[in-house]
Amino acid sequence: MTNDNERIREYPAKSVGGGLALTCGLLGLLAGTGLVVGGALSGEDAVKVTLIILGIVIGVTAFVMMGGLNSVAPGEARVVQLFGRYRGTIRTDGLRWVNPFTSREKISTRVRNHETAVLKVNDAYGNPIELAAVVVWRVEDTAQAVFEVDDFEEFVSVQTEAAVRHIAIEYPYDAHEDDALSLRGNAEEITEKLALELHARVEAAGVRIVESRFTHLAYAPEIASAMLQRQQAGAVVAARRQIVDGAVGMVELALTRLAEEDIVELDPERKAAMVSNLMVVLCGDRAAQPVVNTGTLYQ
């Protein structure tokens, strides 16, 4: 890994307004053309040669200097190099002029989207799952994007897929414990962890992650039906637990009200029978069928 102090950092390139440079270049071309024409019309050979040579030199110089003009659009930058050495970045939009012997590479600094393909991986419990993510990013440091990695767009693509796979194997799709993180149950927390890991992975390329989100999350087809049955069973158990908790509360309330209002005096056996009947009625799946008792509990 490259040390942070050894990395190339972006800094502004030395440039001037392109309008003035364009005007000077055009005047130079006109002056050179005028000298060549004036030399050609001159009668003296020495003056003719001098004017023609001077006009050619001025015209060629003006033409070469105009090669340093750059048109920079909003959301773009130019990375300037002189004989292989980094000489700064032009971020000011409009017409700018730099040393004409430099090379200028255009870099887009606009916000971009990258969506991964649907990846098939195993979660923390070893269950095969499918997931995909979309990452919103932009180039923050143009010098690092050009010189620190070979292709920063491919770098972001590969590192995004690696981060998504790593997050997927760190956490289960559904957690068995209530306080454990899961991909389905804790989407916001997992997304934050994905963003932090992506930032660490693409920082070397001068890229900033604006946002990251999962766009697809599901069990793999081969186990989807079995996992659906498990989820349904868990939902039934949770519903039954809530029904039982409510029924116990209602039975307790009924016995308390009967005792407070002194409606009927129940011995332990009658109380147990009432509790049993109420629990059956409240927790049953079907409507209760009343039975008229013509005798007593003791017969």
Protein backbone atom coordinates (compact mmCIF):
# COMPACT_ATOMS: atom_id res chain seq x y z
CA MET A 1 0.00 0.00 0.00
CA THR A 2 1.12 3.53 -0.76
CA ASN A 3 1.76 5.73 2.24
CA ASP A 4 -0.63 8.69 2.58
CA ASN A 5 2.32 11.10 2.55
CA GLU A 6 3.58 9.63 -0.73
CA ARG A 7 0.28 9.92 -2.56
CA ILE A 8 -0.17 12.56 -5.22
CA ARG A 9 -2.70 15.13 -4.06
CA GLU A 10 -4.69 17.47 -6.25
CA TYR A 11 -3.73 21.14 -6.41
CA PRO A 12 -4.77 23.96 -8.80
CA ALA A 13 -2.87 24.25 -12.06
CA LYS A 14 -1.40 27.55 -13.16
CA SER A 15 -3.74 28.93 -15.79
CA VAL A 16 -4.99 32.26 -17.13
CA GLY A 17 -8.22 33.40 -18.71
CA GLY A 18 -8.66 31.94 -22.16
CA GLY A 19 -10.26 35.07 -23.63
CA LEU A 20 -7.06 37.11 -23.37
CA ALA A 21 -4.95 34.23 -24.66
CA LEU A 22 -7.28 33.70 -27.62
CA THR A 23 -7.15 37.40 -28.51
CA CYS A 24 -3.36 37.46 -28.35
CA GLY A 25 -3.13 34.35 -30.47
CA LEU A 26 -5.40 35.75 -33.15
CA LEU A 27 -3.48 39.03 -33.19
CA GLY A 28 -0.23 37.06 -33.51
CA LEU A 29 -1.60 35.12 -36.49
CA LEU A 30 -2.75 38.34 -38.14
CA ALA A 31 0.58 40.00 -37.48
CA GLY A 32 2.49 37.04 -38.88
CA THR A 33 0.30 36.93 -41.97
CA GLY A 34 0.74 40.68 -42.46
CA LEU A 35 4.52 40.44 -42.21
CA VAL A 36 4.63 37.58 -44.73
CA VAL A 37 2.45 39.52 -47.17
CA GLY A 38 4.46 42.70 -46.61
CA GLY A 39 7.71 40.83 -47.19
CA ALA A 40 6.39 39.30 -50.37
CA LEU A 41 5.50 42.78 -51.72
CA SER A 42 8.82 44.32 -50.69
CA GLY A 43 11.27 45.14 -53.46
CA GLU A 44 14.48 44.60 -51.53
CA ASP A 45 15.57 40.99 -51.11
CA ALA A 46 17.05 41.43 -47.61
CA VAL A 47 13.88 43.12 -46.29
CA LYS A 48 11.72 40.51 -48.04
CA VAL A 49 13.51 37.56 -46.45
CA THR A 50 13.58 39.20 -43.03
CA LEU A 51 9.86 40.04 -43.04
CA ILE A 52 8.83 36.61 -44.33
CA ILE A 53 10.94 34.75 -41.75
CA LEU A 54 9.74 37.02 -38.94
CA GLY A 55 6.11 36.60 -40.03
CA ILE A 56 6.43 32.81 -40.16
CA VAL A 57 8.03 32.71 -36.71
CA ILE A 58 5.35 34.93 -35.20
CA GLY A 59 2.52 33.00 -36.88
CA VAL A 60 3.84 29.59 -35.85
CA THR A 61 4.46 30.81 -32.30
CA ALA A 62 0.94 32.22 -32.06
CA PHE A 63 -0.52 28.98 -33.42
CA VAL A 64 1.47 26.85 -30.95
CA MET A 65 0.53 29.08 -28.02
CA MET A 66 -3.15 28.77 -28.93
CA GLY A 67 -2.76 25.02 -28.40
CA GLY A 68 -2.83 25.73 -24.66
CA LEU A 69 -6.49 26.78 -24.76
CA ASN A 70 -8.93 24.51 -22.92
CA SER A 71 -12.71 24.65 -22.71
CA VAL A 72 -13.77 23.35 -19.28
CA ALA A 73 -17.47 22.62 -18.78
CA PRO A 74 -19.19 22.68 -15.36
CA GLY A 75 -18.74 19.34 -13.62
CA GLU A 76 -15.46 18.65 -15.42
CA ALA A 77 -11.77 19.06 -14.66
CA ARG A 78 -8.51 18.87 -16.60
CA VAL A 79 -5.51 17.03 -15.12
CA VAL A 80 -2.40 18.79 -16.45
CA GLN A 81 0.88 16.93 -17.05
CA LEU A 82 4.18 18.26 -18.36
CA PHE A 83 6.53 15.59 -19.70
CA GLY A 84 5.00 13.00 -17.39
CA ARG A 85 4.92 15.15 -14.25
CA TYR A 86 1.70 16.29 -12.60
CA ARG A 87 1.29 20.08 -12.83
CA GLY A 88 -2.12 20.58 -11.24
CA THR A 89 -5.81 20.40 -12.10
CA ILE A 90 -8.01 22.97 -13.82
CA ARG A 91 -11.46 23.08 -12.18
CA THR A 92 -12.49 26.63 -13.19
CA ASP A 93 -15.12 26.32 -15.89
CA GLY A 94 -14.90 28.33 -19.08
CA LEU A 95 -12.03 28.97 -21.48
CA ARG A 96 -8.63 28.62 -19.77
CA TRP A 97 -5.04 28.70 -21.05
CA VAL A 98 -2.10 26.67 -19.77
CA ASN A 99 1.34 25.78 -21.04
CA PRO A 100 0.74 24.44 -24.57
CA PHE A 101 3.38 21.74 -24.15
CA THR A 102 1.37 20.05 -21.39
CA SER A 103 -1.14 17.27 -21.84
CA ARG A 104 -4.62 17.71 -20.36
CA GLU A 105 -6.78 14.72 -19.42
CA LYS A 106 -10.49 15.34 -19.00
CA ILE A 107 -12.05 13.97 -15.79
CA SER A 108 -15.75 14.16 -14.96
CA THR A 109 -16.46 15.31 -11.40
CA ARG A 110 -20.22 14.82 -11.70
CA VAL A 111 -22.16 12.46 -9.44
CA ARG A 112 -22.37 8.94 -10.89
CA ASN A 113 -24.33 5.76 -10.18
CA HIS A 114 -22.96 2.25 -10.12
CA GLU A 115 -25.32 -0.69 -9.69
CA THR A 116 -23.90 -4.12 -9.06
CA ALA A 117 -25.24 -7.24 -10.66
CA VAL A 118 -27.29 -9.62 -8.52
CA LEU A 119 -24.65 -11.44 -6.47
CA LYS A 120 -25.13 -14.89 -4.99
CA VAL A 121 -23.25 -15.35 -1.69
CA ASN A 122 -23.60 -17.19 1.61
CA ASP A 123 -24.68 -15.19 4.65
CA ALA A 124 -23.24 -15.55 8.16
CA TYR A 125 -25.29 -18.73 8.74
CA GLY A 126 -24.18 -20.26 5.46
CA ASN A 127 -27.52 -19.76 3.70
CA PRO A 128 -27.25 -18.84 0.00
CA ILE A 129 -28.75 -15.42 -0.65
CA GLU A 130 -28.99 -12.99 -3.55
CA LEU A 131 -28.30 -9.29 -3.19
CA ALA A 132 -27.45 -6.23 -5.24
CA ALA A 133 -26.58 -2.64 -4.36
CA VAL A 134 -26.40 0.79 -5.96
CA VAL A 135 -23.62 3.22 -5.09
CA VAL A 136 -23.68 6.96 -5.74
CA TRP A 137 -20.15 8.37 -6.03
CA ARG A 138 -18.06 11.17 -7.46
CA VAL A 139 -14.39 11.97 -8.05
CA GLU A 140 -13.11 14.08 -5.16
CA ASP A 141 -9.37 14.15 -5.94
CA THR A 142 -8.60 14.06 -9.66
CA ALA A 143 -4.87 13.50 -9.16
CA GLN A 144 -5.43 10.33 -7.14
CA ALA A 145 -8.07 9.12 -9.60
CA VAL A 146 -5.60 9.41 -12.50
CA PHE A 147 -2.27 8.45 -10.92
CA GLU A 148 -3.03 6.17 -7.94
CA VAL A 149 -5.09 3.55 -9.78
CA ASP A 150 -5.04 2.22 -13.32
CA ASP A 151 -8.75 2.77 -14.08
CA PHE A 152 -10.72 4.48 -11.32
CA GLU A 153 -14.14 3.52 -12.77
CA GLU A 154 -13.24 -0.18 -12.88
CA PHE A 155 -11.64 0.19 -9.44
CA VAL A 156 -14.91 1.50 -7.96
CA SER A 157 -16.85 -1.30 -9.64
CA VAL A 158 -14.61 -4.08 -8.30
CA GLN A 159 -14.34 -2.63 -4.80
CA THR A 160 -18.12 -2.13 -4.60
CA GLU A 161 -18.73 -5.78 -5.41
CA ALA A 162 -16.09 -6.84 -2.88
CA ALA A 163 -17.63 -4.68 -0.15
CA VAL A 164 -21.14 -6.01 -0.82
CA ARG A 165 -19.90 -9.60 -0.66
CA HIS A 166 -17.99 -8.93 2.56
CA ILE A 167 -21.01 -7.34 4.24
CA ALA A 168 -23.20 -10.26 3.15
CA ILE A 169 -20.98 -12.90 4.76
CA GLU A 170 -20.61 -10.87 7.98
CA TYR A 171 -24.34 -10.80 8.80
CA PRO A 172 -27.23 -13.27 8.49
CA TYR A 173 -30.24 -12.67 6.31
CA ASP A 174 -32.51 -13.18 9.35
CA ALA A 175 -31.12 -13.17 12.90
CA HIS A 176 -32.19 -15.91 15.32
CA GLU A 177 -31.56 -13.63 18.29
CA ASP A 178 -33.64 -10.52 18.86
CA ASP A 179 -30.67 -8.21 19.51
CA ALA A 180 -28.50 -9.43 16.60
CA LEU A 181 -28.11 -7.47 13.36
CA SER A 182 -29.50 -8.97 10.17
CA LEU A 183 -29.56 -7.92 6.54
CA ARG A 184 -33.35 -7.89 6.35
CA GLY A 185 -34.20 -6.60 9.79
CA ASN A 186 -31.55 -3.87 10.15
CA ALA A 187 -31.30 -2.36 6.68
CA GLU A 188 -30.30 1.13 7.87
CA GLU A 189 -27.49 -0.07 10.14
CA ILE A 190 -26.14 -2.47 7.51
CA THR A 191 -26.27 0.28 4.86
CA GLU A 192 -24.20 2.57 7.09
CA LYS A 193 -21.61 -0.18 7.55
CA LEU A 194 -21.55 -0.74 3.79
CA ALA A 195 -20.93 2.98 3.20
CA LEU A 196 -18.06 3.04 5.71
CA GLU A 197 -16.41 -0.01 4.14
CA LEU A 198 -16.82 1.41 0.63
CA HIS A 199 -15.28 4.70 1.71
CA ALA A 200 -12.24 2.89 3.09
CA ARG A 201 -11.86 0.79 -0.06
CA VAL A 202 -12.11 3.56 -2.68
CA GLU A 203 -10.34 6.34 -0.79
CA ALA A 204 -7.06 5.53 -2.56
CA ALA A 205 -8.68 6.43 -5.90
CA GLY A 206 -9.76 9.88 -4.71
CA VAL A 207 -13.42 8.87 -4.83
CA ARG A 208 -16.10 9.93 -2.34
CA ILE A 209 -19.14 7.76 -1.68
CA VAL A 210 -22.27 9.91 -1.61
CA GLU A 211 -24.79 7.15 -0.85
CA SER A 212 -25.13 3.38 -0.98
CA ARG A 213 -28.26 1.23 -0.85
CA PHE A 214 -29.26 -2.40 -1.30
CA THR A 215 -31.59 -2.76 -4.28
CA HIS A 216 -32.17 -6.52 -4.09
CA LEU A 217 -32.14 -8.88 -1.12
CA ALA A 218 -33.64 -12.36 -1.11
CA TYR A 219 -32.91 -15.99 -0.35
CA ALA A 220 -31.57 -18.03 -3.25
CA PRO A 221 -34.33 -19.90 -5.17
CA GLU A 222 -33.19 -23.34 -3.97
CA ILE A 223 -33.93 -22.53 -0.31
CA ALA A 224 -36.52 -19.78 -0.66
CA SER A 225 -39.51 -22.10 -0.03
CA ALA A 226 -37.93 -23.70 3.05
CA MET A 227 -37.05 -20.30 4.49
CA LEU A 228 -40.56 -19.05 3.80
CA GLN A 229 -41.97 -21.94 5.84
CA ARG A 230 -39.58 -21.08 8.67
CA GLN A 231 -40.64 -17.43 8.58
CA GLN A 232 -44.29 -18.46 8.59
CA ALA A 233 -43.72 -20.78 11.53
CA GLY A 234 -41.96 -18.01 13.42
CA ALA A 235 -44.85 -15.66 12.72
CA VAL A 236 -47.35 -18.24 13.99
CA VAL A 237 -45.35 -18.78 17.16
CA ALA A 238 -45.08 -15.04 17.76
CA ALA A 239 -48.82 -14.61 17.22
CA ARG A 240 -49.61 -17.50 19.56
CA ARG A 241 -47.35 -16.02 22.21
CA GLN A 242 -49.17 -12.70 21.97
CA ILE A 243 -52.56 -14.43 22.14
CA VAL A 244 -51.53 -16.40 25.24
CA ASP A 245 -50.20 -13.28 26.94
CA GLY A 246 -53.47 -11.49 26.27
CA ALA A 247 -55.56 -14.44 27.39
CA VAL A 248 -53.69 -14.74 30.69
CA GLY A 249 -54.31 -11.07 31.35
CA MET A 250 -58.01 -11.38 30.57
CA VAL A 251 -58.41 -14.43 32.82
CA GLU A 252 -56.62 -12.67 35.64
CA LEU A 253 -58.85 -9.63 35.20
CA ALA A 254 -62.00 -11.79 35.18
CA LEU A 255 -61.06 -13.59 38.41
CA THR A 256 -60.14 -10.31 40.08
CA ARG A 257 -63.46 -8.68 39.10
CA LEU A 258 -65.46 -11.70 40.29
CA ALA A 259 -63.71 -11.58 43.63
CA GLU A 260 -64.05 -7.80 44.02
CA GLU A 261 -67.75 -7.72 43.06
CA ASP A 262 -68.45 -10.82 45.20
CA ILE A 263 -70.49 -12.26 42.37
CA VAL A 264 -69.60 -15.86 43.06
CA GLU A 265 -67.29 -17.63 45.44
CA LEU A 266 -64.98 -20.05 43.71
CA ASP A 267 -63.04 -22.76 45.42
CA PRO A 268 -59.66 -23.79 43.89
CA GLU A 269 -61.22 -26.55 41.77
CA ARG A 270 -63.91 -24.30 40.30
CA LYS A 271 -61.33 -21.57 39.75
CA ALA A 272 -59.09 -24.01 37.89
CA ALA A 273 -62.03 -25.13 35.74
CA MET A 274 -62.91 -21.53 34.89
CA VAL A 275 -59.32 -20.74 34.00
CA SER A 276 -59.16 -23.81 31.76
CA ASN A 277 -62.42 -22.96 30.00
CA LEU A 278 -61.46 -19.30 29.47
CA MET A 279 -58.05 -20.22 28.10
CA VAL A 280 -59.61 -22.67 25.65
CA VAL A 281 -62.14 -20.08 24.50
CA LEU A 282 -59.63 -17.23 24.19
CA CYS A 283 -56.80 -19.21 22.59
CA GLY A 284 -58.83 -21.50 20.34
CA ASP A 285 -58.94 -21.15 16.56
CA ARG A 286 -62.67 -21.87 16.40
CA ALA A 287 -65.67 -20.29 18.01
CA ALA A 288 -66.61 -21.77 21.40
CA GLN A 289 -69.56 -24.20 21.55
CA PRO A 290 -71.44 -23.66 24.83
CA VAL A 291 -72.24 -26.71 26.93
CA VAL A 292 -75.03 -26.54 29.51
CA ASN A 293 -74.02 -28.37 32.66
CA THR A 294 -77.09 -29.79 34.48
CA GLY A 295 -75.07 -31.36 37.22
CA THR A 296 -72.11 -30.24 39.30
CA LEU A 297 -68.38 -30.38 38.95
CA TYR A 298 -68.23 -32.97 41.70
CA GLN A 299 -70.38 -35.60 40.00
